[in-house]
C-alpha atoms as a PDB file:
ATOM      1  CA  UNK A   1     -19.699   2.316   0.716  1.00  0.00           C
ATOM      2  CA  UNK A   2     -17.573  -0.353   0.576  1.00  0.00           C
ATOM      3  CA  UNK A   3     -14.222   1.758   0.193  1.00  0.00           C
ATOM      4  CA  UNK A   4     -10.501   0.049  -0.869  1.00  0.00           C
ATOM      5  CA  UNK A   5      -6.963   0.811  -0.325  1.00  0.00           C
ATOM      6  CA  UNK A   6      -4.803  -1.095  -2.241  1.00  0.00           C
ATOM      7  CA  UNK A   7      -0.619  -0.787  -2.141  1.00  0.00           C
ATOM      8  CA  UNK A   8       0.573   1.579  -4.379  1.00  0.00           C
ATOM      9  CA  UNK A   9       2.862  -0.102  -6.849  1.00  0.00           C
ATOM     10  CA  UNK A  10       4.139   2.739  -9.026  1.00  0.00           C
ATOM     11  CA  UNK A  11       7.677   2.407  -8.971  1.00  0.00           C
ATOM     12  CA  UNK A  12       9.321   5.074  -6.055  1.00  0.00           C
ATOM     13  CA  UNK A  13       5.825   5.641  -4.674  1.00  0.00           C
ATOM     14  CA  UNK A  14       5.727   5.066  -1.109  1.00  0.00           C
ATOM     15  CA  UNK A  15       3.030   6.998   0.090  1.00  0.00           C
ATOM     16  CA  UNK A  16      -0.482   5.568   0.931  1.00  0.00           C
ATOM     17  CA  UNK A  17      -4.145   6.899  -0.174  1.00  0.00           C
ATOM     18  CA  UNK A  18      -5.462   6.626   3.461  1.00  0.00           C
ATOM     19  CA  UNK A  19      -4.030   6.485   6.976  1.00  0.00           C
ATOM     20  CA  UNK A  20      -5.774   5.174  10.264  1.00  0.00           C
ATOM     21  CA  UNK A  21      -7.426   8.359  11.286  1.00  0.00           C
ATOM     22  CA  UNK A  22      -9.159   8.244   7.620  1.00  0.00           C
ATOM     23  CA  UNK A  23     -10.575   4.704   8.344  1.00  0.00           C
ATOM     24  CA  UNK A  24     -11.851   5.908  11.655  1.00  0.00           C
ATOM     25  CA  UNK A  25     -13.483   8.718  10.095  1.00  0.00           C
ATOM     26  CA  UNK A  26     -15.366   6.418   7.526  1.00  0.00           C
ATOM     27  CA  UNK A  27     -15.845   3.625   9.674  1.00  0.00           C
ATOM     28  CA  UNK A  28     -17.720   5.982  11.669  1.00  0.00           C
ATOM     29  CA  UNK A  29     -19.944   7.089   9.245  1.00  0.00           C
ATOM     30  CA  UNK A  30     -20.684   2.992   8.358  1.00  0.00           C
ATOM     31  CA  UNK A  31     -18.658   2.615   5.528  1.00  0.00           C
ATOM     32  CA  UNK A  32     -16.593  -0.679   5.251  1.00  0.00           C
ATOM     33  CA  UNK A  33     -12.970  -0.123   4.385  1.00  0.00           C
ATOM     34  CA  UNK A  34     -10.274  -2.689   2.938  1.00  0.00           C
ATOM     35  CA  UNK A  35      -6.787  -2.369   3.230  1.00  0.00           C
ATOM     36  CA  UNK A  36      -4.405  -4.537   1.378  1.00  0.00           C
ATOM     37  CA  UNK A  37      -1.945  -6.143   3.563  1.00  0.00           C
ATOM     38  CA  UNK A  38       1.278  -3.719   3.576  1.00  0.00           C
ATOM     39  CA  UNK A  39      -0.372  -1.054   1.823  1.00  0.00           C
ATOM     40  CA  UNK A  40       0.716   1.552   4.477  1.00  0.00           C
ATOM     41  CA  UNK A  41       4.131   0.148   5.274  1.00  0.00           C
ATOM     42  CA  UNK A  42       5.950   2.697   2.593  1.00  0.00           C
ATOM     43  CA  UNK A  43       4.316   5.657   5.052  1.00  0.00           C
ATOM     44  CA  UNK A  44       5.246   4.001   8.514  1.00  0.00           C
ATOM     45  CA  UNK A  45       1.911   2.577   8.905  1.00  0.00           C
ATOM     46  CA  UNK A  46       1.410  -1.376  10.047  1.00  0.00           C
ATOM     47  CA  UNK A  47      -1.630  -3.171   9.173  1.00  0.00           C
ATOM     48  CA  UNK A  48      -2.727  -3.638  12.848  1.00  0.00           C
ATOM     49  CA  UNK A  49      -3.047   0.268  12.952  1.00  0.00           C
ATOM     50  CA  UNK A  50      -5.609  -0.131  10.159  1.00  0.00           C
ATOM     51  CA  UNK A  51      -7.231  -2.844  11.785  1.00  0.00           C
ATOM     52  CA  UNK A  52      -7.587  -1.081  15.120  1.00  0.00           C
ATOM     53  CA  UNK A  53      -9.262   1.829  13.337  1.00  0.00           C
ATOM     54  CA  UNK A  54     -11.792  -0.333  11.694  1.00  0.00           C
ATOM     55  CA  UNK A  55     -10.250  -1.733   8.471  1.00  0.00           C
ATOM     56  CA  UNK A  56     -10.563  -5.051   7.207  1.00  0.00           C
ATOM     57  CA  UNK A  57      -7.129  -6.330   6.075  1.00  0.00           C
ATOM     58  CA  UNK A  58      -6.669  -8.215   2.856  1.00  0.00           C
ATOM     59  CA  UNK A  59      -4.213 -10.336   1.420  1.00  0.00           C
ATOM     60  CA  UNK A  60      -4.087  -9.191  -2.145  1.00  0.00           C
ATOM     61  CA  UNK A  61      -4.910  -6.356  -4.494  1.00  0.00           C
ATOM     62  CA  UNK A  62      -7.182  -8.310  -6.620  1.00  0.00           C
ATOM     63  CA  UNK A  63      -9.398  -8.533  -3.163  1.00  0.00           C
ATOM     64  CA  UNK A  64      -9.220  -5.080  -2.541  1.00  0.00           C
ATOM     65  CA  UNK A  65     -10.581  -4.203  -5.774  1.00  0.00           C
ATOM     66  CA  UNK A  66     -13.242  -7.109  -6.100  1.00  0.00           C
ATOM     67  CA  UNK A  67     -14.936  -5.962  -2.972  1.00  0.00           C
ATOM     68  CA  UNK A  68     -14.568  -2.281  -2.997  1.00  0.00           C
ATOM     69  CA  UNK A  69     -17.260  -0.062  -4.889  1.00  0.00           C
ATOM     70  CA  UNK A  70     -14.468   2.848  -4.879  1.00  0.00           C
ATOM     71  CA  UNK A  71     -10.936   2.635  -4.763  1.00  0.00           C
ATOM     72  CA  UNK A  72      -8.667   5.074  -3.000  1.00  0.00           C
ATOM     73  CA  UNK A  73      -4.963   5.499  -4.445  1.00  0.00           C
ATOM     74  CA  UNK A  74      -2.345   8.313  -4.650  1.00  0.00           C
ATOM     75  CA  UNK A  75      -1.013   7.478  -8.178  1.00  0.00           C
ATOM     76  CA  UNK A  76      -2.860   6.422 -11.561  1.00  0.00           C
ATOM     77  CA  UNK A  77      -3.911   2.981 -12.077  1.00  0.00           C
ATOM     78  CA  UNK A  78      -0.926   0.784 -13.328  1.00  0.00           C
ATOM     79  CA  UNK A  79      -0.935  -1.648 -15.882  1.00  0.00           C
ATOM     80  CA  UNK A  80      -1.280  -4.640 -13.639  1.00  0.00           C
ATOM     81  CA  UNK A  81      -4.301  -2.976 -12.227  1.00  0.00           C
ATOM     82  CA  UNK A  82      -6.400  -1.960 -15.584  1.00  0.00           C
ATOM     83  CA  UNK A  83      -7.976  -5.536 -15.378  1.00  0.00           C
ATOM     84  CA  UNK A  84      -9.287  -5.020 -11.603  1.00  0.00           C
ATOM     85  CA  UNK A  85     -10.983  -2.179 -12.560  1.00  0.00           C
ATOM     86  CA  UNK A  86     -14.736  -2.481 -13.408  1.00  0.00           C
ATOM     87  CA  UNK A  87     -17.887  -0.334 -14.990  1.00  0.00           C
ATOM     88  CA  UNK A  88     -19.557   1.482 -12.084  1.00  0.00           C
ATOM     89  CA  UNK A  89     -16.435   1.325  -9.596  1.00  0.00           C
ATOM     90  CA  UNK A  90     -15.364   4.716  -8.294  1.00  0.00           C
ATOM     91  CA  UNK A  91     -11.879   5.403  -8.642  1.00  0.00           C
ATOM     92  CA  UNK A  92     -10.367   8.194  -6.357  1.00  0.00           C
ATOM     93  CA  UNK A  93      -6.934   9.269  -7.427  1.00  0.00           C
ATOM     94  CA  UNK A  94      -4.859  11.797 -10.249  1.00  0.00           C
ATOM     95  CA  UNK A  95      -5.022  10.378 -13.428  1.00  0.00           C
ATOM     96  CA  UNK A  96      -2.542  12.007 -15.984  1.00  0.00           C
ATOM     97  CA  UNK A  97      -4.701  10.377 -19.229  1.00  0.00           C
ATOM     98  CA  UNK A  98      -2.399  13.046 -21.688  1.00  0.00           C
ATOM     99  CA  UNK A  99       0.570  11.268 -20.553  1.00  0.00           C
ATOM    100  CA  UNK A 100      -0.405   7.683 -21.272  1.00  0.00           C
ATOM    101  CA  UNK A 101      -2.321   6.542 -23.813  1.00  0.00           C
ATOM    102  CA  UNK A 102      -2.432   2.903 -22.657  1.00  0.00           C
ATOM    103  CA  UNK A 103      -4.170   4.209 -19.238  1.00  0.00           C
ATOM    104  CA  UNK A 104      -6.652   6.229 -21.167  1.00  0.00           C
ATOM    105  CA  UNK A 105      -7.332   3.093 -23.735  1.00  0.00           C
ATOM    106  CA  UNK A 106      -7.601   1.017 -20.570  1.00  0.00           C
ATOM    107  CA  UNK A 107     -10.054   2.639 -18.525  1.00  0.00           C
ATOM    108  CA  UNK A 108     -12.170   3.234 -21.923  1.00  0.00           C
ATOM    109  CA  UNK A 109     -12.326  -0.588 -22.102  1.00  0.00           C
ATOM    110  CA  UNK A 110     -13.197  -0.843 -18.525  1.00  0.00           C
ATOM    111  CA  UNK A 111     -16.546   1.304 -18.809  1.00  0.00           C
ATOM    112  CA  UNK A 112     -15.133   3.554 -16.610  1.00  0.00           C
ATOM    113  CA  UNK A 113     -14.839   6.541 -19.027  1.00  0.00           C
ATOM    114  CA  UNK A 114     -17.024   7.311 -21.981  1.00  0.00           C
ATOM    115  CA  UNK A 115     -15.608   6.182 -25.315  1.00  0.00           C
ATOM    116  CA  UNK A 116     -14.696   9.450 -26.815  1.00  0.00           C
ATOM    117  CA  UNK A 117     -13.536   8.171 -30.223  1.00  0.00           C
ATOM    118  CA  UNK A 118     -17.091   7.618 -31.347  1.00  0.00           C
ATOM    119  CA  UNK A 119     -17.980  11.411 -31.093  1.00  0.00           C
END
């Protein structure tokens, strides 16, 4: 599987969804890991740490979303990320649909979740 780790862009969020040890374990199991450059800086993890563990470092979030079958995030997708999520892509994150109608509608529009309005 191709797994992507974009930089968290939610205000005041400095964590990263995967540490180099996770990259190492998944790489060992023949998964490809794409990490956005700088994704780990808020947690004290450098790009070279990810690369040494087996990740491919990509310059932009758009590159990570485009290449990945699964996206791993700490926080729910932000407005600027909505258009990058595609039908069939796995999102491993915490969603807060009840708190954000725009997030719910964006995920429905992407095909990621079933449109419940017709039921």
